[in-house]
Amino acid sequence: MAAYYFLVSQLPSLGNIGEKSAMPLSESSFIELCSRYMTESEKKVLSTLSLVPPRDTVDTGSEFLNTWYQKERDLRLALAQIRAQKMKKDAFTLPGSCTADIQQAARTAVGMDSPLSAEQFLYEYRLKLLDEITPIDIFSTDAVYAYGIRLMLVSRMKKFDGENGISSYHKIYDSILGQNNLEK
């Protein structure tokens, strides 16, 4: 793994970004900045960074990303299983890699009254998980990938807006009620 002292020193902190403050760096700016320093194979991995893990386990060439995607995949499977059970649908068996803390996080999120509260809880859980698996060497390629994942998480959460969410919910709910009335 290469040491990216110049690259990492240019990345702004993502730690104290408030709900209403602007992002210090866009995802496209991050990728453009990284492309100046990274090898072709590292840029290829960087271009595939996603908050949605591949459905099947694939080797990304990065120990950090392999671990992140496995934990995110397990979290999504645990959420799906719990939601299926709540709806009295067939639930599948979780993989052995799905740890008790991931299952507990999924149960907590599904049990919340507000979808926004659940998303905020999962956001905090993912950030904590990211902190736990991010390499100690902050100038490594994996640390740059971890920064990219963190940037994506922060960008995603900034898109949530309580007022727009409630408005959208009522619009969808009214639309469903309107369709049910037409069917009768």
C-alpha atoms as a PDB file:
ATOM      1  CA  MET A   1       0.000   0.000   0.000  1.00  0.00           C
ATOM      2  CA  ALA A   2       1.222   3.417  -0.902  1.00  0.00           C
ATOM      3  CA  ALA A   3       1.473   6.297   1.530  1.00  0.00           C
ATOM      4  CA  TYR A   4      -0.650   9.243   0.494  1.00  0.00           C
ATOM      5  CA  TYR A   5       0.664  12.072   2.663  1.00  0.00           C
ATOM      6  CA  PHE A   6      -0.092  14.848   0.155  1.00  0.00           C
ATOM      7  CA  LEU A   7      -3.531  13.495  -0.704  1.00  0.00           C
ATOM      8  CA  VAL A   8      -4.716  12.934   2.865  1.00  0.00           C
ATOM      9  CA  SER A   9      -3.393  16.311   4.014  1.00  0.00           C
ATOM     10  CA  GLN A  10      -5.695  17.995   1.474  1.00  0.00           C
ATOM     11  CA  LEU A  11      -8.866  16.222   2.606  1.00  0.00           C
ATOM     12  CA  PRO A  12     -11.113  18.381   4.793  1.00  0.00           C
ATOM     13  CA  SER A  13     -12.416  17.057   8.085  1.00  0.00           C
ATOM     14  CA  LEU A  14     -15.879  15.534   7.991  1.00  0.00           C
ATOM     15  CA  GLY A  15     -16.262  15.400  11.754  1.00  0.00           C
ATOM     16  CA  ASN A  16     -18.207  18.566  12.568  1.00  0.00           C
ATOM     17  CA  ILE A  17     -20.528  18.999   9.627  1.00  0.00           C
ATOM     18  CA  GLY A  18     -23.851  20.320  10.842  1.00  0.00           C
ATOM     19  CA  GLU A  19     -27.252  19.597   9.415  1.00  0.00           C
ATOM     20  CA  LYS A  20     -27.459  22.939   7.600  1.00  0.00           C
ATOM     21  CA  SER A  21     -23.782  23.471   6.775  1.00  0.00           C
ATOM     22  CA  ALA A  22     -22.400  22.923   3.285  1.00  0.00           C
ATOM     23  CA  MET A  23     -20.308  19.904   2.445  1.00  0.00           C
ATOM     24  CA  PRO A  24     -16.615  20.816   2.369  1.00  0.00           C
ATOM     25  CA  LEU A  25     -16.003  18.465  -0.573  1.00  0.00           C
ATOM     26  CA  SER A  26     -18.275  16.786  -3.101  1.00  0.00           C
ATOM     27  CA  GLU A  27     -17.937  13.124  -3.992  1.00  0.00           C
ATOM     28  CA  SER A  28     -16.885  14.012  -7.537  1.00  0.00           C
ATOM     29  CA  SER A  29     -14.261  16.475  -6.248  1.00  0.00           C
ATOM     30  CA  PHE A  30     -12.960  13.779  -3.907  1.00  0.00           C
ATOM     31  CA  ILE A  31     -12.587  11.285  -6.752  1.00  0.00           C
ATOM     32  CA  GLU A  32     -10.936  13.902  -8.975  1.00  0.00           C
ATOM     33  CA  LEU A  33      -8.458  14.823  -6.226  1.00  0.00           C
ATOM     34  CA  CYS A  34      -7.642  11.167  -5.520  1.00  0.00           C
ATOM     35  CA  SER A  35      -7.141  10.419  -9.209  1.00  0.00           C
ATOM     36  CA  ARG A  36      -4.121  12.750  -9.217  1.00  0.00           C
ATOM     37  CA  TYR A  37      -2.297  10.544  -6.715  1.00  0.00           C
ATOM     38  CA  MET A  38      -3.567   6.985  -7.051  1.00  0.00           C
ATOM     39  CA  THR A  39      -2.497   4.188  -9.347  1.00  0.00           C
ATOM     40  CA  GLU A  40      -4.824   2.988 -12.085  1.00  0.00           C
ATOM     41  CA  SER A  41      -5.882  -0.094 -10.102  1.00  0.00           C
ATOM     42  CA  GLU A  42      -6.567   2.019  -6.979  1.00  0.00           C
ATOM     43  CA  LYS A  43      -8.580   4.512  -9.049  1.00  0.00           C
ATOM     44  CA  LYS A  44     -10.626   1.630 -10.434  1.00  0.00           C
ATOM     45  CA  VAL A  45     -11.464   0.477  -6.891  1.00  0.00           C
ATOM     46  CA  LEU A  46     -12.186   4.096  -5.880  1.00  0.00           C
ATOM     47  CA  SER A  47     -14.623   4.506  -8.778  1.00  0.00           C
ATOM     48  CA  THR A  48     -16.648   1.534  -7.507  1.00  0.00           C
ATOM     49  CA  LEU A  49     -17.052   2.826  -3.927  1.00  0.00           C
ATOM     50  CA  SER A  50     -20.669   2.562  -2.908  1.00  0.00           C
ATOM     51  CA  LEU A  51     -22.865   2.549   0.160  1.00  0.00           C
ATOM     52  CA  VAL A  52     -24.626  -0.460  -1.355  1.00  0.00           C
ATOM     53  CA  PRO A  53     -22.385  -3.516  -1.116  1.00  0.00           C
ATOM     54  CA  PRO A  54     -22.193  -6.005  -3.961  1.00  0.00           C
ATOM     55  CA  ARG A  55     -24.892  -8.657  -3.556  1.00  0.00           C
ATOM     56  CA  ASP A  56     -22.330 -11.437  -3.588  1.00  0.00           C
ATOM     57  CA  THR A  57     -19.003 -11.364  -1.806  1.00  0.00           C
ATOM     58  CA  VAL A  58     -16.269 -10.174  -4.171  1.00  0.00           C
ATOM     59  CA  ASP A  59     -12.645  -9.405  -3.460  1.00  0.00           C
ATOM     60  CA  THR A  60     -12.126  -5.695  -4.027  1.00  0.00           C
ATOM     61  CA  GLY A  61      -8.392  -5.922  -3.482  1.00  0.00           C
ATOM     62  CA  SER A  62      -8.814  -3.879  -0.297  1.00  0.00           C
ATOM     63  CA  GLU A  63      -9.016  -5.557   3.087  1.00  0.00           C
ATOM     64  CA  PHE A  64     -10.871  -2.544   4.479  1.00  0.00           C
ATOM     65  CA  LEU A  65     -13.486  -2.499   1.695  1.00  0.00           C
ATOM     66  CA  ASN A  66     -13.994  -6.267   1.878  1.00  0.00           C
ATOM     67  CA  THR A  67     -14.707  -5.924   5.610  1.00  0.00           C
ATOM     68  CA  TRP A  68     -16.924  -2.832   5.157  1.00  0.00           C
ATOM     69  CA  TYR A  69     -19.006  -4.436   2.415  1.00  0.00           C
ATOM     70  CA  GLN A  70     -19.414  -7.652   4.426  1.00  0.00           C
ATOM     71  CA  LYS A  71     -20.627  -5.771   7.503  1.00  0.00           C
ATOM     72  CA  GLU A  72     -22.936  -3.544   5.440  1.00  0.00           C
ATOM     73  CA  ARG A  73     -24.310  -6.587   3.601  1.00  0.00           C
ATOM     74  CA  ASP A  74     -24.933  -8.312   6.945  1.00  0.00           C
ATOM     75  CA  LEU A  75     -26.690  -5.210   8.301  1.00  0.00           C
ATOM     76  CA  ARG A  76     -28.957  -5.018   5.275  1.00  0.00           C
ATOM     77  CA  LEU A  77     -29.758  -8.734   5.518  1.00  0.00           C
ATOM     78  CA  ALA A  78     -30.545  -8.378   9.237  1.00  0.00           C
ATOM     79  CA  LEU A  79     -32.835  -5.411   8.510  1.00  0.00           C
ATOM     80  CA  ALA A  80     -34.590  -7.385   5.763  1.00  0.00           C
ATOM     81  CA  GLN A  81     -35.036 -10.422   8.019  1.00  0.00           C
ATOM     82  CA  ILE A  82     -36.522  -8.394  10.880  1.00  0.00           C
ATOM     83  CA  ARG A  83     -38.845  -6.481   8.550  1.00  0.00           C
ATOM     84  CA  ALA A  84     -39.991  -9.765   6.999  1.00  0.00           C
ATOM     85  CA  GLN A  85     -40.685 -11.224  10.436  1.00  0.00           C
ATOM     86  CA  LYS A  86     -42.671  -8.112  11.428  1.00  0.00           C
ATOM     87  CA  MET A  87     -44.804  -8.529   8.311  1.00  0.00           C
ATOM     88  CA  LYS A  88     -45.206 -12.268   9.024  1.00  0.00           C
ATOM     89  CA  LYS A  89     -43.365 -13.167   5.815  1.00  0.00           C
ATOM     90  CA  ASP A  90     -40.842 -15.934   5.307  1.00  0.00           C
ATOM     91  CA  ALA A  91     -37.523 -14.931   6.803  1.00  0.00           C
ATOM     92  CA  PHE A  92     -34.232 -16.411   5.708  1.00  0.00           C
ATOM     93  CA  THR A  93     -31.331 -17.507   7.852  1.00  0.00           C
ATOM     94  CA  LEU A  94     -28.636 -14.885   8.380  1.00  0.00           C
ATOM     95  CA  PRO A  95     -25.073 -15.715   7.385  1.00  0.00           C
ATOM     96  CA  GLY A  96     -22.644 -16.689  10.144  1.00  0.00           C
ATOM     97  CA  SER A  97     -20.752 -13.423   9.608  1.00  0.00           C
ATOM     98  CA  CYS A  98     -23.759 -11.448  10.910  1.00  0.00           C
ATOM     99  CA  THR A  99     -22.681 -10.608  14.449  1.00  0.00           C
ATOM    100  CA  ALA A 100     -24.903 -10.005  17.465  1.00  0.00           C
ATOM    101  CA  ASP A 101     -24.177  -6.248  17.438  1.00  0.00           C
ATOM    102  CA  ILE A 102     -25.300  -5.986  13.802  1.00  0.00           C
ATOM    103  CA  GLN A 103     -28.506  -7.888  14.590  1.00  0.00           C
ATOM    104  CA  GLN A 104     -29.138  -5.662  17.628  1.00  0.00           C
ATOM    105  CA  ALA A 105     -28.609  -2.519  15.559  1.00  0.00           C
ATOM    106  CA  ALA A 106     -31.105  -3.805  12.998  1.00  0.00           C
ATOM    107  CA  ARG A 107     -33.677  -4.632  15.716  1.00  0.00           C
ATOM    108  CA  THR A 108     -33.251  -1.188  17.255  1.00  0.00           C
ATOM    109  CA  ALA A 109     -33.655   0.593  13.912  1.00  0.00           C
ATOM    110  CA  VAL A 110     -36.717  -1.410  12.885  1.00  0.00           C
ATOM    111  CA  GLY A 111     -38.305  -0.792  16.281  1.00  0.00           C
ATOM    112  CA  MET A 112     -38.146   3.000  15.989  1.00  0.00           C
ATOM    113  CA  ASP A 113     -41.337   4.966  15.437  1.00  0.00           C
ATOM    114  CA  SER A 114     -39.920   7.390  12.901  1.00  0.00           C
ATOM    115  CA  PRO A 115     -38.173   6.371   9.664  1.00  0.00           C
ATOM    116  CA  LEU A 116     -35.972   9.458  10.018  1.00  0.00           C
ATOM    117  CA  SER A 117     -34.975   8.433  13.552  1.00  0.00           C
ATOM    118  CA  ALA A 118     -34.145   4.958  12.265  1.00  0.00           C
ATOM    119  CA  GLU A 119     -31.994   6.431   9.484  1.00  0.00           C
ATOM    120  CA  GLN A 120     -30.197   8.691  11.955  1.00  0.00           C
ATOM    121  CA  PHE A 121     -29.584   5.726  14.257  1.00  0.00           C
ATOM    122  CA  LEU A 122     -28.226   3.616  11.379  1.00  0.00           C
ATOM    123  CA  TYR A 123     -26.065   6.539  10.235  1.00  0.00           C
ATOM    124  CA  GLU A 124     -24.482   6.797  13.700  1.00  0.00           C
ATOM    125  CA  TYR A 125     -24.079   3.010  13.851  1.00  0.00           C
ATOM    126  CA  ARG A 126     -22.370   2.951  10.450  1.00  0.00           C
ATOM    127  CA  LEU A 127     -20.023   5.792  11.417  1.00  0.00           C
ATOM    128  CA  LYS A 128     -19.080   3.932  14.600  1.00  0.00           C
ATOM    129  CA  LEU A 129     -18.502   0.753  12.627  1.00  0.00           C
ATOM    130  CA  LEU A 130     -16.449   2.680  10.078  1.00  0.00           C
ATOM    131  CA  ASP A 131     -14.295   4.097  12.881  1.00  0.00           C
ATOM    132  CA  GLU A 132     -13.714   0.582  14.224  1.00  0.00           C
ATOM    133  CA  ILE A 133     -12.511  -0.885  10.933  1.00  0.00           C
ATOM    134  CA  THR A 134     -10.672   2.099   9.425  1.00  0.00           C
ATOM    135  CA  PRO A 135      -6.938   1.405   9.281  1.00  0.00           C
ATOM    136  CA  ILE A 136      -4.711   3.008  11.880  1.00  0.00           C
ATOM    137  CA  ASP A 137      -2.374   4.230   9.133  1.00  0.00           C
ATOM    138  CA  ILE A 138      -4.266   7.329   7.999  1.00  0.00           C
ATOM    139  CA  PHE A 139      -2.023   7.714   4.952  1.00  0.00           C
ATOM    140  CA  SER A 140      -2.851   4.295   3.441  1.00  0.00           C
ATOM    141  CA  THR A 141      -4.969   3.508   0.422  1.00  0.00           C
ATOM    142  CA  ASP A 142      -7.564   1.846   2.663  1.00  0.00           C
ATOM    143  CA  ALA A 143      -7.775   5.020   4.763  1.00  0.00           C
ATOM    144  CA  VAL A 144      -8.531   6.992   1.584  1.00  0.00           C
ATOM    145  CA  TYR A 145     -11.276   4.491   0.732  1.00  0.00           C
ATOM    146  CA  ALA A 146     -12.626   4.835   4.285  1.00  0.00           C
ATOM    147  CA  TYR A 147     -12.729   8.618   3.845  1.00  0.00           C
ATOM    148  CA  GLY A 148     -14.695   8.100   0.620  1.00  0.00           C
ATOM    149  CA  ILE A 149     -17.253   5.892   2.391  1.00  0.00           C
ATOM    150  CA  ARG A 150     -17.545   8.429   5.220  1.00  0.00           C
ATOM    151  CA  LEU A 151     -18.044  11.225   2.675  1.00  0.00           C
ATOM    152  CA  MET A 152     -20.832   9.219   1.036  1.00  0.00           C
ATOM    153  CA  LEU A 153     -22.516   8.552   4.387  1.00  0.00           C
ATOM    154  CA  VAL A 154     -22.397  12.229   5.392  1.00  0.00           C
ATOM    155  CA  SER A 155     -23.642  13.339   1.948  1.00  0.00           C
ATOM    156  CA  ARG A 156     -26.524  10.875   2.128  1.00  0.00           C
ATOM    157  CA  MET A 157     -27.631  12.020   5.583  1.00  0.00           C
ATOM    158  CA  LYS A 158     -27.554  15.668   4.551  1.00  0.00           C
ATOM    159  CA  LYS A 159     -30.223  14.864   1.949  1.00  0.00           C
ATOM    160  CA  PHE A 160     -32.748  13.931   4.634  1.00  0.00           C
ATOM    161  CA  ASP A 161     -35.128  16.710   5.549  1.00  0.00           C
ATOM    162  CA  GLY A 162     -37.870  16.177   8.124  1.00  0.00           C
ATOM    163  CA  GLU A 163     -40.364  18.618   6.601  1.00  0.00           C
ATOM    164  CA  ASN A 164     -39.931  17.270   3.065  1.00  0.00           C
ATOM    165  CA  GLY A 165     -40.193  13.722   4.417  1.00  0.00           C
ATOM    166  CA  ILE A 166     -43.498  14.399   6.173  1.00  0.00           C
ATOM    167  CA  SER A 167     -44.852  16.166   3.107  1.00  0.00           C
ATOM    168  CA  SER A 168     -43.789  13.298   0.856  1.00  0.00           C
ATOM    169  CA  TYR A 169     -45.267  10.751   3.276  1.00  0.00           C
ATOM    170  CA  HIS A 170     -48.643  12.506   3.258  1.00  0.00           C
ATOM    171  CA  LYS A 171     -48.593  12.763  -0.524  1.00  0.00           C
ATOM    172  CA  ILE A 172     -47.890   9.026  -0.913  1.00  0.00           C
ATOM    173  CA  TYR A 173     -50.394   8.122   1.803  1.00  0.00           C
ATOM    174  CA  ASP A 174     -53.129  10.244   0.190  1.00  0.00           C
ATOM    175  CA  SER A 175     -52.325   8.722  -3.188  1.00  0.00           C
ATOM    176  CA  ILE A 176     -52.716   5.201  -1.753  1.00  0.00           C
ATOM    177  CA  LEU A 177     -56.009   6.137  -0.104  1.00  0.00           C
ATOM    178  CA  GLY A 178     -57.190   7.614  -3.396  1.00  0.00           C
ATOM    179  CA  GLN A 179     -56.360   4.370  -5.239  1.00  0.00           C
ATOM    180  CA  ASN A 180     -58.148   2.264  -2.630  1.00  0.00           C
ATOM    181  CA  ASN A 181     -61.273   4.425  -2.941  1.00  0.00           C
ATOM    182  CA  LEU A 182     -61.214   3.984  -6.741  1.00  0.00           C
ATOM    183  CA  GLU A 183     -61.007   0.198  -6.393  1.00  0.00           C
ATOM    184  CA  LYS A 184     -64.155   0.007  -4.233  1.00  0.00           C
END
